[in-house]
Each structure stands twice: as C-alpha cells, then as structure tokens.
Amino acid sequence: AQLGSRKHNLAAESREKLVGVCTDDAPVMLGSCSGFVTSVKEKNPAMIMTHCIIHRQALAAKTLPDDLQDSLNLAIKVVNFVKNSTLNMRLFAALCTDLGADDNILLFHTEV
C-alpha cells in the first residue's frame, strides 16, 4: 500500500510541474468531473490545454467543400502512389534533388 501511495504522490508532483497537455478532446481526457485535464488543472491551474493539430485537420477535412475534398483526395492518391513503390520513391527523391527541394520524401496519409 505504501508503494502505491508513493507512486500516487510522484504523479501529483509531476502534475504540478506540467506546463501543457495536447489531447484529442475525448471525454476521458476532458471530463468536467474526472477527466485527465480536470485532475491536472486542479493541481496546476496555469496548465494550458490544446487540441491536437492532427485531430483538428482530420475534423476540418471531414467538412471540406466538395471541390477542396476532391483536391485533398487527389493529393492523397498521388502521395500513396509514390509511397507504394520503391522505384517511385527513388524517382520522386531524384526529382526533388534536381529541383533543389529542401525535402525529398513523402509521408503516407492516414485517417485519424
């Protein structure tokens, strides 16, 4: 019991030092009575809570007008075409190098 008590105290000390939390706005994170953010804010009212930028983008993409959604879908299709083939990735990297681009890799688009 003492070990559990000590572990809880360490967690409380950590919460007091926490500067900010980034969440996906799930109820378990934000609950007004027992959410994680609420329990941290009790120990550290100055703590800043932000909404994850990846989740914001995912929410925004779900409400895009049709023409922008079509553009996003085309970009996703092109990125995934390049990423699905080692040859395509090498050709893309060579193209980027030839054009003097700062980067020469692409990341897969994934749903959140």
C-alpha atoms as a PDB file:
ATOM      1  CA  ALA A   1       0.000   0.000   0.000  1.00  0.00           C
ATOM      2  CA  GLN A   2       2.850   2.345   0.788  1.00  0.00           C
ATOM      3  CA  LEU A   3       4.423   1.861  -2.656  1.00  0.00           C
ATOM      4  CA  GLY A   4       1.104   2.700  -4.317  1.00  0.00           C
ATOM      5  CA  SER A   5       0.775   5.769  -2.122  1.00  0.00           C
ATOM      6  CA  ARG A   6       4.299   6.907  -3.015  1.00  0.00           C
ATOM      7  CA  LYS A   7       3.643   6.380  -6.732  1.00  0.00           C
ATOM      8  CA  HIS A   8       0.481   8.488  -6.467  1.00  0.00           C
ATOM      9  CA  ASN A   9       2.423  11.273  -4.760  1.00  0.00           C
ATOM     10  CA  LEU A  10       5.032  11.265  -7.526  1.00  0.00           C
ATOM     11  CA  ALA A  11       2.255  11.580 -10.074  1.00  0.00           C
ATOM     12  CA  ALA A  12       0.799  14.522  -8.159  1.00  0.00           C
ATOM     13  CA  GLU A  13       4.214  16.228  -8.113  1.00  0.00           C
ATOM     14  CA  SER A  14       4.534  15.697 -11.858  1.00  0.00           C
ATOM     15  CA  ARG A  15       1.099  17.205 -12.473  1.00  0.00           C
ATOM     16  CA  GLU A  16       2.133  20.363 -10.631  1.00  0.00           C
ATOM     17  CA  LYS A  17       5.114  20.774 -12.987  1.00  0.00           C
ATOM     18  CA  LEU A  18       3.162  20.106 -16.178  1.00  0.00           C
ATOM     19  CA  VAL A  19       3.041  23.127 -18.494  1.00  0.00           C
ATOM     20  CA  GLY A  20       0.615  21.924 -21.168  1.00  0.00           C
ATOM     21  CA  VAL A  21      -1.415  18.981 -22.440  1.00  0.00           C
ATOM     22  CA  CYS A  22      -2.444  18.221 -26.020  1.00  0.00           C
ATOM     23  CA  THR A  23      -5.496  15.944 -26.366  1.00  0.00           C
ATOM     24  CA  ASP A  24      -7.898  14.593 -28.968  1.00  0.00           C
ATOM     25  CA  ASP A  25     -10.861  16.030 -26.983  1.00  0.00           C
ATOM     26  CA  ALA A  26     -12.024  12.567 -25.878  1.00  0.00           C
ATOM     27  CA  PRO A  27     -14.398  12.685 -22.870  1.00  0.00           C
ATOM     28  CA  VAL A  28     -11.978  10.630 -20.737  1.00  0.00           C
ATOM     29  CA  MET A  29      -9.394  13.366 -21.271  1.00  0.00           C
ATOM     30  CA  LEU A  30     -11.675  16.370 -20.766  1.00  0.00           C
ATOM     31  CA  GLY A  31     -14.438  15.184 -18.426  1.00  0.00           C
ATOM     32  CA  SER A  32     -15.523  18.038 -16.145  1.00  0.00           C
ATOM     33  CA  CYS A  33     -15.524  15.825 -13.024  1.00  0.00           C
ATOM     34  CA  SER A  34     -12.954  13.099 -13.559  1.00  0.00           C
ATOM     35  CA  GLY A  35     -11.131  13.784 -16.824  1.00  0.00           C
ATOM     36  CA  PHE A  36      -7.351  13.836 -17.001  1.00  0.00           C
ATOM     37  CA  VAL A  37      -7.162  17.530 -17.864  1.00  0.00           C
ATOM     38  CA  THR A  38      -9.520  18.414 -14.995  1.00  0.00           C
ATOM     39  CA  SER A  39      -7.402  16.478 -12.491  1.00  0.00           C
ATOM     40  CA  VAL A  40      -4.211  18.149 -13.734  1.00  0.00           C
ATOM     41  CA  LYS A  41      -5.795  21.625 -13.692  1.00  0.00           C
ATOM     42  CA  GLU A  42      -6.752  21.065 -10.030  1.00  0.00           C
ATOM     43  CA  LYS A  43      -3.038  20.785  -9.193  1.00  0.00           C
ATOM     44  CA  ASN A  44      -1.850  23.330 -11.752  1.00  0.00           C
ATOM     45  CA  PRO A  45      -4.482  25.882 -12.877  1.00  0.00           C
ATOM     46  CA  ALA A  46      -1.933  27.607 -15.153  1.00  0.00           C
ATOM     47  CA  MET A  47      -1.569  24.469 -17.300  1.00  0.00           C
ATOM     48  CA  ILE A  48      -2.544  25.034 -20.952  1.00  0.00           C
ATOM     49  CA  MET A  49      -4.744  22.534 -22.809  1.00  0.00           C
ATOM     50  CA  THR A  50      -4.702  22.374 -26.620  1.00  0.00           C
ATOM     51  CA  HIS A  51      -6.495  20.279 -29.205  1.00  0.00           C
ATOM     52  CA  CYS A  52      -4.155  18.049 -31.236  1.00  0.00           C
ATOM     53  CA  ILE A  53      -3.394  19.618 -34.638  1.00  0.00           C
ATOM     54  CA  ILE A  54      -3.692  16.228 -36.386  1.00  0.00           C
ATOM     55  CA  HIS A  55      -7.188  15.751 -34.990  1.00  0.00           C
ATOM     56  CA  ARG A  56      -8.108  19.323 -35.934  1.00  0.00           C
ATOM     57  CA  GLN A  57      -7.006  18.668 -39.516  1.00  0.00           C
ATOM     58  CA  ALA A  58      -8.994  15.435 -39.599  1.00  0.00           C
ATOM     59  CA  LEU A  59     -12.123  17.208 -38.337  1.00  0.00           C
ATOM     60  CA  ALA A  60     -11.663  20.054 -40.826  1.00  0.00           C
ATOM     61  CA  ALA A  61     -11.136  17.623 -43.711  1.00  0.00           C
ATOM     62  CA  LYS A  62     -14.460  15.931 -42.942  1.00  0.00           C
ATOM     63  CA  THR A  63     -16.335  19.190 -43.547  1.00  0.00           C
ATOM     64  CA  LEU A  64     -14.479  20.429 -46.634  1.00  0.00           C
ATOM     65  CA  PRO A  65     -16.479  21.692 -49.626  1.00  0.00           C
ATOM     66  CA  ASP A  66     -16.632  19.126 -52.437  1.00  0.00           C
ATOM     67  CA  ASP A  67     -14.048  20.835 -54.671  1.00  0.00           C
ATOM     68  CA  LEU A  68     -11.491  21.037 -51.841  1.00  0.00           C
ATOM     69  CA  GLN A  69     -12.272  17.458 -50.802  1.00  0.00           C
ATOM     70  CA  ASP A  70     -11.594  16.367 -54.396  1.00  0.00           C
ATOM     71  CA  SER A  71      -8.234  18.181 -54.306  1.00  0.00           C
ATOM     72  CA  LEU A  72      -7.330  16.564 -50.996  1.00  0.00           C
ATOM     73  CA  ASN A  73      -8.303  13.126 -52.311  1.00  0.00           C
ATOM     74  CA  LEU A  74      -6.157  13.661 -55.421  1.00  0.00           C
ATOM     75  CA  ALA A  75      -3.170  14.698 -53.286  1.00  0.00           C
ATOM     76  CA  ILE A  76      -3.643  11.621 -51.090  1.00  0.00           C
ATOM     77  CA  LYS A  77      -3.835   9.405 -54.161  1.00  0.00           C
ATOM     78  CA  VAL A  78      -0.613  10.886 -55.599  1.00  0.00           C
ATOM     79  CA  VAL A  79       1.280  10.576 -52.297  1.00  0.00           C
ATOM     80  CA  ASN A  80       0.171   6.991 -51.831  1.00  0.00           C
ATOM     81  CA  PHE A  81       1.090   6.168 -55.464  1.00  0.00           C
ATOM     82  CA  VAL A  82       4.629   7.428 -54.861  1.00  0.00           C
ATOM     83  CA  LYS A  83       4.922   5.682 -51.470  1.00  0.00           C
ATOM     84  CA  ASN A  84       3.607   2.318 -52.702  1.00  0.00           C
ATOM     85  CA  SER A  85       6.640   1.663 -54.923  1.00  0.00           C
ATOM     86  CA  THR A  86      10.341   1.740 -54.122  1.00  0.00           C
ATOM     87  CA  LEU A  87      11.061   2.809 -57.694  1.00  0.00           C
ATOM     88  CA  ASN A  88       8.534   5.663 -57.467  1.00  0.00           C
ATOM     89  CA  MET A  89      10.078   6.819 -54.176  1.00  0.00           C
ATOM     90  CA  ARG A  90      13.580   6.859 -55.734  1.00  0.00           C
ATOM     91  CA  LEU A  91      12.298   8.737 -58.791  1.00  0.00           C
ATOM     92  CA  PHE A  92      10.492  11.250 -56.564  1.00  0.00           C
ATOM     93  CA  ALA A  93      13.648  11.776 -54.470  1.00  0.00           C
ATOM     94  CA  ALA A  94      15.690  12.325 -57.652  1.00  0.00           C
ATOM     95  CA  LEU A  95      13.095  14.816 -58.936  1.00  0.00           C
ATOM     96  CA  CYS A  96      13.202  16.736 -55.645  1.00  0.00           C
ATOM     97  CA  THR A  97      17.003  16.797 -55.709  1.00  0.00           C
ATOM     98  CA  ASP A  98      17.028  18.023 -59.310  1.00  0.00           C
ATOM     99  CA  LEU A  99      14.557  20.796 -58.403  1.00  0.00           C
ATOM    100  CA  GLY A 100      16.614  21.824 -55.363  1.00  0.00           C
ATOM    101  CA  ALA A 101      13.845  20.995 -52.889  1.00  0.00           C
ATOM    102  CA  ASP A 102      14.641  21.011 -49.159  1.00  0.00           C
ATOM    103  CA  ASP A 103      12.884  17.655 -48.669  1.00  0.00           C
ATOM    104  CA  ASN A 104      12.698  14.585 -50.855  1.00  0.00           C
ATOM    105  CA  ILE A 105      10.358  12.195 -49.027  1.00  0.00           C
ATOM    106  CA  LEU A 106       6.595  11.938 -48.591  1.00  0.00           C
ATOM    107  CA  LEU A 107       4.578  10.626 -45.654  1.00  0.00           C
ATOM    108  CA  PHE A 108       1.553   8.360 -46.058  1.00  0.00           C
ATOM    109  CA  HIS A 109      -1.815   9.973 -45.437  1.00  0.00           C
ATOM    110  CA  THR A 110      -3.725   8.156 -42.696  1.00  0.00           C
ATOM    111  CA  GLU A 111      -7.180   8.621 -41.267  1.00  0.00           C
ATOM    112  CA  VAL A 112      -7.408   9.761 -37.645  1.00  0.00           C
END
